[in-house]
Structure formats: structure tokens, C-alpha cells
């Protein structure tokens, strides 16, 4: 999973050999100043430009499971279990420590069953998308011939 949360400015310069060189800045003014310096140095405004974009950062601390589909592991936390218990029974009927006991005894089983269902859902959705894509590819191929 990626976060898009930080704007950056990239100065792109086209070299004499046609190669592109890029320098990224986290400050628009710095990027503009560098761009102006490079334009003056090369006597060509068209060779240097500034683009505004976003820096993509990978989310930290995402636990992954080793199942064939690489499904995200959804850790069941005691607050989650307590919330479900409160929805199922009035608060005064819940035995203290019931959430922790449930987590110790049943969380592994729930996680395994949920991951199996998730694998089935992912496989089914993938098959459907592959079917649609295959149909599109076959139609496109027929048009080209």
C-alpha cells in the first residue's frame, strides 16, 4: 500500500545527448531557483522544466501473510473483540477477561478461516477479471486481423 501525502517538485533537464536528468526538491522555491540557474547556464528555457508531483511512500508496519495470494493478515485485537461482544450482549453480561480468553483460544482459528475465505474471494475475482480481459484481448486481436 502506498501513501500519497507529500508534494515534491522535480526539475527535469534534457542533456545534449538527449538523456534526461532529474533533481527532486521538497520545496517549490528551491526547485524554481535551480531551474532558473540551469536555464541560464544552458541558454535554453525549453531544455529545463519543473514538474509538481507527489512522493509515494510505502506504508510502514504492514504485516503480510505467506498465503499463496499474499493476503494482508488482519490481526484480531482485544478492542475489536470487545466491541463485537458489546454489540452481541449488554455490557453488564460480559464476563471480565472474556475478550482475552477468546483471543487466546479462538483467534488463530478465526484468522485461518477468514484467510481461506479471502483466498476464495480473490481467486474468484481474479478469474472473473481474467475472463473479461481475455474476451477483450480476443476481440481486439480479431479487429487487427
N, C-alpha and C. Protein backbone atom coordinates (compact mmCIF):
# COMPACT_ATOMS: atom_id res chain seq x y z
N UNK A 1 0.85 -1.17 0.00
CA UNK A 1 0.00 0.00 0.00
C UNK A 1 0.89 1.23 0.00
N UNK A 2 0.42 2.20 -0.72
CA UNK A 2 1.20 3.41 -0.82
C UNK A 2 0.42 4.60 -0.25
N UNK A 3 1.17 5.53 0.30
CA UNK A 3 0.58 6.79 0.75
C UNK A 3 1.01 7.86 -0.23
N UNK A 4 0.09 8.72 -0.61
CA UNK A 4 0.43 9.89 -1.40
C UNK A 4 0.14 11.08 -0.51
N UNK A 5 1.18 11.63 0.07
CA UNK A 5 0.90 12.68 1.02
C UNK A 5 1.88 13.83 0.98
N UNK A 6 2.88 13.75 0.16
CA UNK A 6 3.93 14.75 0.21
C UNK A 6 4.20 15.28 -1.19
N UNK A 7 4.00 16.58 -1.39
CA UNK A 7 4.28 17.18 -2.69
C UNK A 7 5.79 17.36 -2.85
N UNK A 8 6.24 17.11 -4.07
CA UNK A 8 7.63 17.39 -4.42
C UNK A 8 7.64 18.04 -5.79
N UNK A 9 8.78 18.69 -6.11
CA UNK A 9 8.95 19.34 -7.40
C UNK A 9 10.20 18.75 -8.03
N UNK A 10 10.07 18.34 -9.27
CA UNK A 10 11.17 17.68 -9.97
C UNK A 10 11.62 18.59 -11.12
N UNK A 11 12.92 18.93 -11.11
CA UNK A 11 13.50 19.71 -12.20
C UNK A 11 14.06 18.71 -13.20
N UNK A 12 13.55 18.77 -14.43
CA UNK A 12 13.97 17.84 -15.47
C UNK A 12 14.76 18.61 -16.51
N UNK A 13 15.94 18.10 -16.81
CA UNK A 13 16.82 18.75 -17.79
C UNK A 13 17.13 17.77 -18.90
N UNK A 14 16.96 18.23 -20.13
CA UNK A 14 17.30 17.40 -21.29
C UNK A 14 18.72 17.73 -21.71
N UNK A 15 19.60 16.73 -21.66
CA UNK A 15 21.01 16.93 -22.00
C UNK A 15 21.23 16.99 -23.50
N UNK A 16 22.45 17.37 -23.89
CA UNK A 16 22.80 17.45 -25.31
C UNK A 16 22.66 16.10 -26.00
N UNK A 17 22.89 15.04 -25.24
CA UNK A 17 22.80 13.69 -25.80
C UNK A 17 21.37 13.15 -25.80
N UNK A 18 20.41 13.96 -25.38
CA UNK A 18 19.02 13.54 -25.36
C UNK A 18 18.61 12.87 -24.06
N UNK A 19 19.59 12.60 -23.18
CA UNK A 19 19.28 11.97 -21.90
C UNK A 19 18.59 12.97 -20.97
N UNK A 20 17.70 12.45 -20.15
CA UNK A 20 17.00 13.28 -19.18
C UNK A 20 17.66 13.14 -17.82
N UNK A 21 17.82 14.26 -17.14
CA UNK A 21 18.38 14.29 -15.79
C UNK A 21 17.33 14.93 -14.89
N UNK A 22 17.14 14.38 -13.72
CA UNK A 22 16.11 14.90 -12.82
C UNK A 22 16.68 15.11 -11.43
N UNK A 23 16.23 16.20 -10.80
CA UNK A 23 16.59 16.51 -9.42
C UNK A 23 15.29 16.85 -8.70
N UNK A 24 15.03 16.20 -7.57
CA UNK A 24 13.78 16.39 -6.84
C UNK A 24 14.00 17.30 -5.64
N UNK A 25 13.02 18.15 -5.38
CA UNK A 25 13.05 19.07 -4.25
C UNK A 25 11.76 18.96 -3.47
N UNK A 26 11.86 19.19 -2.16
CA UNK A 26 10.66 19.19 -1.34
C UNK A 26 10.15 20.61 -1.11
N UNK A 27 10.75 21.56 -1.83
CA UNK A 27 10.39 22.97 -1.70
C UNK A 27 10.27 23.56 -3.10
N UNK A 28 9.12 24.14 -3.41
CA UNK A 28 8.87 24.67 -4.76
C UNK A 28 9.83 25.79 -5.12
N UNK A 29 10.12 26.67 -4.17
CA UNK A 29 11.01 27.79 -4.44
C UNK A 29 12.41 27.31 -4.79
N UNK A 30 12.92 26.33 -4.06
CA UNK A 30 14.24 25.78 -4.37
C UNK A 30 14.27 25.18 -5.77
N UNK A 31 13.21 24.47 -6.14
CA UNK A 31 13.13 23.87 -7.47
C UNK A 31 13.11 24.95 -8.54
N UNK A 32 12.34 26.01 -8.32
CA UNK A 32 12.26 27.11 -9.29
C UNK A 32 13.62 27.79 -9.46
N UNK A 33 14.31 28.04 -8.34
CA UNK A 33 15.63 28.68 -8.41
C UNK A 33 16.63 27.80 -9.17
N UNK A 34 16.62 26.52 -8.87
CA UNK A 34 17.54 25.60 -9.57
C UNK A 34 17.21 25.57 -11.07
N UNK A 35 15.94 25.55 -11.38
CA UNK A 35 15.52 25.54 -12.78
C UNK A 35 16.02 26.80 -13.50
N UNK A 36 15.87 27.97 -12.86
CA UNK A 36 16.34 29.22 -13.47
C UNK A 36 17.85 29.19 -13.68
N UNK A 37 18.60 28.67 -12.68
CA UNK A 37 20.05 28.57 -12.83
C UNK A 37 20.43 27.70 -14.02
N UNK A 38 19.74 26.58 -14.16
CA UNK A 38 20.05 25.66 -15.26
C UNK A 38 19.66 26.27 -16.61
N UNK A 39 18.57 27.02 -16.64
CA UNK A 39 18.17 27.69 -17.89
C UNK A 39 19.21 28.71 -18.30
N UNK A 40 19.71 29.49 -17.33
CA UNK A 40 20.74 30.49 -17.63
C UNK A 40 22.03 29.83 -18.10
N UNK A 41 22.37 28.73 -17.48
CA UNK A 41 23.60 28.02 -17.82
C UNK A 41 23.55 27.46 -19.25
N UNK A 42 22.39 27.02 -19.67
CA UNK A 42 22.26 26.36 -20.97
C UNK A 42 21.65 27.24 -22.06
N UNK A 43 21.30 28.47 -21.74
CA UNK A 43 20.69 29.39 -22.71
C UNK A 43 19.50 28.77 -23.43
N UNK A 44 18.75 27.98 -22.73
CA UNK A 44 17.59 27.37 -23.39
C UNK A 44 16.52 27.01 -22.40
N UNK A 45 15.45 27.78 -22.42
CA UNK A 45 14.36 27.54 -21.47
C UNK A 45 13.65 26.22 -21.74
N UNK A 46 13.67 25.76 -22.99
CA UNK A 46 12.93 24.55 -23.31
C UNK A 46 13.63 23.28 -22.83
N UNK A 47 14.90 23.38 -22.47
CA UNK A 47 15.66 22.20 -22.04
C UNK A 47 15.43 21.86 -20.57
N UNK A 48 14.90 22.82 -19.79
CA UNK A 48 14.73 22.60 -18.35
C UNK A 48 13.30 22.96 -17.96
N UNK A 49 12.69 22.09 -17.17
CA UNK A 49 11.33 22.34 -16.72
C UNK A 49 11.13 21.81 -15.30
N UNK A 50 10.11 22.33 -14.62
CA UNK A 50 9.78 21.89 -13.26
C UNK A 50 8.40 21.24 -13.30
N UNK A 51 8.30 20.05 -12.72
CA UNK A 51 7.02 19.36 -12.61
C UNK A 51 6.66 19.17 -11.14
N UNK A 52 5.41 19.43 -10.81
CA UNK A 52 4.93 19.17 -9.46
C UNK A 52 4.34 17.77 -9.44
N UNK A 53 4.67 16.99 -8.41
CA UNK A 53 4.15 15.64 -8.30
C UNK A 53 4.03 15.29 -6.82
N UNK A 54 3.71 14.05 -6.53
CA UNK A 54 3.59 13.59 -5.14
C UNK A 54 4.60 12.49 -4.88
N UNK A 55 5.17 12.51 -3.70
CA UNK A 55 6.09 11.47 -3.28
C UNK A 55 5.26 10.31 -2.71
N UNK A 56 5.46 9.14 -3.26
CA UNK A 56 4.75 7.96 -2.77
C UNK A 56 5.63 7.25 -1.76
N UNK A 57 5.10 7.02 -0.59
CA UNK A 57 5.82 6.31 0.45
C UNK A 57 5.09 5.02 0.75
N UNK A 58 5.85 4.01 1.03
CA UNK A 58 5.26 2.73 1.41
C UNK A 58 4.77 2.82 2.84
N UNK A 59 3.58 2.28 3.07
CA UNK A 59 3.05 2.24 4.43
C UNK A 59 3.98 1.43 5.31
N UNK A 60 4.16 1.86 6.50
CA UNK A 60 5.04 1.17 7.44
C UNK A 60 4.26 0.12 8.22
N UNK A 61 4.94 -0.91 8.62
CA UNK A 61 4.41 -1.93 9.52
C UNK A 61 3.15 -2.62 9.00
N UNK A 62 3.14 -2.98 7.73
CA UNK A 62 2.02 -3.75 7.20
C UNK A 62 2.39 -5.22 7.27
N UNK A 63 1.72 -5.99 8.10
CA UNK A 63 2.06 -7.41 8.18
C UNK A 63 1.47 -8.17 7.00
N UNK A 64 2.27 -8.98 6.35
CA UNK A 64 1.80 -9.79 5.24
C UNK A 64 1.79 -11.25 5.65
N UNK A 65 0.89 -11.98 5.08
CA UNK A 65 0.77 -13.40 5.35
C UNK A 65 1.40 -14.16 4.19
N UNK A 66 1.90 -15.35 4.43
CA UNK A 66 2.56 -16.13 3.39
C UNK A 66 1.60 -17.00 2.60
N UNK A 67 0.32 -16.68 2.62
CA UNK A 67 -0.63 -17.47 1.83
C UNK A 67 -0.35 -17.23 0.36
N UNK A 68 -0.79 -18.14 -0.50
CA UNK A 68 -0.49 -18.01 -1.93
C UNK A 68 -0.89 -16.68 -2.54
N UNK A 69 -1.92 -16.05 -2.02
CA UNK A 69 -2.39 -14.80 -2.60
C UNK A 69 -1.76 -13.59 -1.94
N UNK A 70 -0.90 -13.78 -0.96
CA UNK A 70 -0.25 -12.65 -0.31
C UNK A 70 -1.24 -11.76 0.41
N UNK A 71 -2.26 -12.35 1.00
CA UNK A 71 -3.31 -11.57 1.65
C UNK A 71 -2.77 -10.84 2.87
N UNK A 72 -3.32 -9.67 3.11
CA UNK A 72 -2.96 -8.94 4.32
C UNK A 72 -3.48 -9.71 5.52
N UNK A 73 -2.66 -9.85 6.52
CA UNK A 73 -3.09 -10.52 7.74
C UNK A 73 -3.85 -9.50 8.58
N UNK A 74 -5.06 -9.84 8.90
CA UNK A 74 -5.87 -8.97 9.72
C UNK A 74 -5.74 -9.44 11.16
N UNK A 75 -5.00 -8.73 11.95
CA UNK A 75 -4.83 -9.13 13.34
C UNK A 75 -6.07 -8.75 14.13
N UNK A 76 -6.56 -9.72 14.89
CA UNK A 76 -7.74 -9.51 15.71
C UNK A 76 -7.24 -8.97 17.05
N UNK A 77 -7.68 -7.77 17.38
CA UNK A 77 -7.23 -7.14 18.62
C UNK A 77 -8.34 -7.20 19.66
N UNK A 78 -7.94 -7.10 20.93
CA UNK A 78 -8.93 -7.24 22.00
C UNK A 78 -10.00 -6.15 21.94
N UNK A 79 -9.64 -4.92 21.50
CA UNK A 79 -10.64 -3.86 21.40
C UNK A 79 -11.72 -4.23 20.38
N UNK A 80 -11.30 -4.85 19.29
CA UNK A 80 -12.23 -5.28 18.24
C UNK A 80 -13.19 -6.34 18.80
N UNK A 81 -12.63 -7.32 19.50
CA UNK A 81 -13.45 -8.40 20.07
C UNK A 81 -14.40 -7.84 21.13
N UNK A 82 -13.90 -6.94 21.97
CA UNK A 82 -14.75 -6.34 22.99
C UNK A 82 -15.91 -5.58 22.36
N UNK A 83 -15.62 -4.85 21.27
CA UNK A 83 -16.68 -4.12 20.57
C UNK A 83 -17.75 -5.04 20.02
N UNK A 84 -17.32 -6.17 19.44
CA UNK A 84 -18.30 -7.14 18.93
C UNK A 84 -19.11 -7.73 20.07
N UNK A 85 -18.44 -8.02 21.18
CA UNK A 85 -19.17 -8.58 22.33
C UNK A 85 -20.23 -7.60 22.83
N UNK A 86 -19.89 -6.32 22.87
CA UNK A 86 -20.85 -5.32 23.33
C UNK A 86 -22.04 -5.21 22.40
N UNK A 87 -21.82 -5.43 21.10
CA UNK A 87 -22.93 -5.42 20.16
C UNK A 87 -23.81 -6.65 20.33
N UNK A 88 -23.22 -7.76 20.73
CA UNK A 88 -23.95 -9.02 20.83
C UNK A 88 -24.68 -9.18 22.16
N UNK A 89 -24.16 -8.59 23.22
CA UNK A 89 -24.76 -8.74 24.55
C UNK A 89 -24.60 -7.42 25.30
N UNK A 90 -25.46 -7.19 26.24
CA UNK A 90 -25.34 -5.96 27.01
C UNK A 90 -24.03 -6.00 27.80
N UNK A 91 -23.49 -4.83 28.05
CA UNK A 91 -22.18 -4.70 28.67
C UNK A 91 -22.10 -5.40 30.02
N UNK A 92 -23.17 -5.34 30.81
CA UNK A 92 -23.14 -5.94 32.15
C UNK A 92 -23.17 -7.46 32.13
N UNK A 93 -23.44 -8.09 30.97
CA UNK A 93 -23.47 -9.54 30.89
C UNK A 93 -22.13 -10.12 30.43
N UNK A 94 -21.19 -9.25 30.03
CA UNK A 94 -19.90 -9.73 29.54
C UNK A 94 -18.98 -10.02 30.72
N UNK A 95 -18.44 -11.21 30.74
CA UNK A 95 -17.53 -11.61 31.83
C UNK A 95 -16.19 -10.91 31.64
N UNK A 96 -15.65 -10.32 32.68
CA UNK A 96 -14.34 -9.66 32.57
C UNK A 96 -13.28 -10.67 32.07
N UNK A 97 -12.48 -10.24 31.13
CA UNK A 97 -11.44 -11.09 30.58
C UNK A 97 -11.91 -12.00 29.46
N UNK A 98 -13.18 -11.90 29.07
CA UNK A 98 -13.72 -12.79 28.03
C UNK A 98 -13.04 -12.54 26.68
N UNK A 99 -12.75 -11.29 26.38
CA UNK A 99 -12.11 -10.98 25.08
C UNK A 99 -10.73 -11.60 25.01
N UNK A 100 -9.95 -11.48 26.09
CA UNK A 100 -8.61 -12.06 26.10
C UNK A 100 -8.66 -13.57 25.99
N UNK A 101 -9.63 -14.18 26.68
CA UNK A 101 -9.77 -15.64 26.62
C UNK A 101 -10.13 -16.06 25.19
N UNK A 102 -11.06 -15.33 24.58
CA UNK A 102 -11.43 -15.64 23.20
C UNK A 102 -10.21 -15.54 22.29
N UNK A 103 -9.44 -14.48 22.45
CA UNK A 103 -8.25 -14.29 21.60
C UNK A 103 -7.27 -15.46 21.77
N UNK A 104 -7.06 -15.87 22.99
CA UNK A 104 -6.13 -16.97 23.25
C UNK A 104 -6.62 -18.29 22.67
N UNK A 105 -7.93 -18.53 22.73
CA UNK A 105 -8.47 -19.82 22.32
C UNK A 105 -8.91 -19.88 20.86
N UNK A 106 -9.41 -18.78 20.32
CA UNK A 106 -10.08 -18.86 19.02
C UNK A 106 -9.51 -17.98 17.91
N UNK A 107 -8.66 -17.02 18.23
CA UNK A 107 -8.19 -16.07 17.21
C UNK A 107 -7.49 -16.76 16.05
N UNK A 108 -6.67 -17.76 16.33
CA UNK A 108 -5.97 -18.48 15.26
C UNK A 108 -6.92 -19.16 14.31
N UNK A 109 -7.95 -19.79 14.87
CA UNK A 109 -8.95 -20.48 14.05
C UNK A 109 -9.72 -19.48 13.19
N UNK A 110 -10.13 -18.37 13.79
CA UNK A 110 -10.87 -17.35 13.04
C UNK A 110 -10.01 -16.81 11.91
N UNK A 111 -8.74 -16.53 12.19
CA UNK A 111 -7.84 -15.99 11.18
C UNK A 111 -7.67 -16.97 10.02
N UNK A 112 -7.47 -18.25 10.32
CA UNK A 112 -7.30 -19.25 9.26
C UNK A 112 -8.54 -19.34 8.39
N UNK A 113 -9.72 -19.38 9.02
CA UNK A 113 -10.96 -19.48 8.26
C UNK A 113 -11.18 -18.23 7.41
N UNK A 114 -10.87 -17.07 7.97
CA UNK A 114 -11.03 -15.82 7.22
C UNK A 114 -10.09 -15.77 6.03
N UNK A 115 -8.85 -16.22 6.21
CA UNK A 115 -7.89 -16.21 5.11
C UNK A 115 -8.28 -17.18 4.01
N UNK A 116 -8.85 -18.32 4.39
CA UNK A 116 -9.34 -19.26 3.38
C UNK A 116 -10.46 -18.62 2.55
N UNK A 117 -11.39 -17.94 3.24
CA UNK A 117 -12.47 -17.26 2.53
C UNK A 117 -11.92 -16.14 1.66
N UNK A 118 -10.94 -15.42 2.18
CA UNK A 118 -10.33 -14.34 1.41
C UNK A 118 -9.65 -14.90 0.16
N UNK A 119 -8.95 -16.01 0.30
CA UNK A 119 -8.32 -16.64 -0.86
C UNK A 119 -9.36 -17.01 -1.91
N UNK A 120 -10.50 -17.55 -1.45
CA UNK A 120 -11.57 -17.92 -2.39
C UNK A 120 -12.11 -16.69 -3.11
N UNK A 121 -12.29 -15.61 -2.37
CA UNK A 121 -12.81 -14.37 -2.97
C UNK A 121 -11.80 -13.82 -3.98
N UNK A 122 -10.54 -13.78 -3.62
CA UNK A 122 -9.51 -13.27 -4.52
C UNK A 122 -9.42 -14.13 -5.78
N UNK A 123 -9.46 -15.45 -5.61
CA UNK A 123 -9.39 -16.34 -6.77
C UNK A 123 -10.59 -16.11 -7.69
N UNK A 124 -11.79 -16.03 -7.12
CA UNK A 124 -12.99 -15.83 -7.93
C UNK A 124 -12.93 -14.50 -8.67
N UNK A 125 -12.56 -13.43 -7.98
CA UNK A 125 -12.49 -12.11 -8.61
C UNK A 125 -11.42 -12.10 -9.71
N UNK A 126 -10.30 -12.76 -9.45
CA UNK A 126 -9.23 -12.82 -10.45
C UNK A 126 -9.69 -13.58 -11.68
N UNK A 127 -10.37 -14.70 -11.47
CA UNK A 127 -10.90 -15.47 -12.61
C UNK A 127 -11.87 -14.62 -13.45
N UNK A 128 -12.76 -13.88 -12.77
CA UNK A 128 -13.72 -13.04 -13.49
C UNK A 128 -13.01 -11.96 -14.30
N UNK A 129 -12.02 -11.32 -13.69
CA UNK A 129 -11.29 -10.27 -14.41
C UNK A 129 -10.48 -10.85 -15.56
N UNK A 130 -9.89 -12.02 -15.36
CA UNK A 130 -9.15 -12.66 -16.45
C UNK A 130 -10.09 -13.01 -17.60
N UNK A 131 -11.28 -13.48 -17.26
CA UNK A 131 -12.26 -13.82 -18.30
C UNK A 131 -12.62 -12.58 -19.11
N UNK A 132 -12.90 -11.46 -18.41
CA UNK A 132 -13.23 -10.21 -19.11
C UNK A 132 -12.05 -9.73 -19.94
N UNK A 133 -10.86 -9.79 -19.37
CA UNK A 133 -9.67 -9.34 -20.10
C UNK A 133 -9.43 -10.22 -21.31
N UNK A 134 -9.58 -11.52 -21.14
CA UNK A 134 -9.38 -12.44 -22.26
C UNK A 134 -10.35 -12.12 -23.38
N UNK A 135 -11.62 -11.88 -23.03
CA UNK A 135 -12.62 -11.52 -24.03
C UNK A 135 -12.21 -10.24 -24.76
N UNK A 136 -11.73 -9.26 -24.01
CA UNK A 136 -11.28 -8.01 -24.63
C UNK A 136 -10.10 -8.26 -25.56
N UNK A 137 -9.15 -9.10 -25.13
CA UNK A 137 -7.97 -9.36 -25.95
C UNK A 137 -8.36 -10.09 -27.23
N UNK A 138 -9.29 -11.04 -27.10
CA UNK A 138 -9.72 -11.80 -28.28
C UNK A 138 -10.42 -10.87 -29.27
N UNK A 139 -11.28 -9.99 -28.77
CA UNK A 139 -11.98 -9.05 -29.65
C UNK A 139 -11.00 -8.09 -30.30
N UNK A 140 -10.02 -7.60 -29.55
CA UNK A 140 -9.01 -6.70 -30.10
C UNK A 140 -8.18 -7.42 -31.16
N UNK A 141 -7.81 -8.65 -30.89
CA UNK A 141 -7.00 -9.42 -31.82
C UNK A 141 -7.77 -9.64 -33.12
N UNK A 142 -9.08 -9.93 -33.00
CA UNK A 142 -9.89 -10.14 -34.18
C UNK A 142 -10.00 -8.89 -35.04
N UNK A 143 -9.98 -7.73 -34.39
CA UNK A 143 -10.07 -6.47 -35.13
C UNK A 143 -8.80 -6.18 -35.92
N UNK A 144 -7.65 -6.61 -35.37
CA UNK A 144 -6.38 -6.33 -36.01
C UNK A 144 -6.15 -7.19 -37.24
N UNK A 145 -6.73 -8.39 -37.25
CA UNK A 145 -6.50 -9.30 -38.38
C UNK A 145 -7.20 -8.86 -39.63
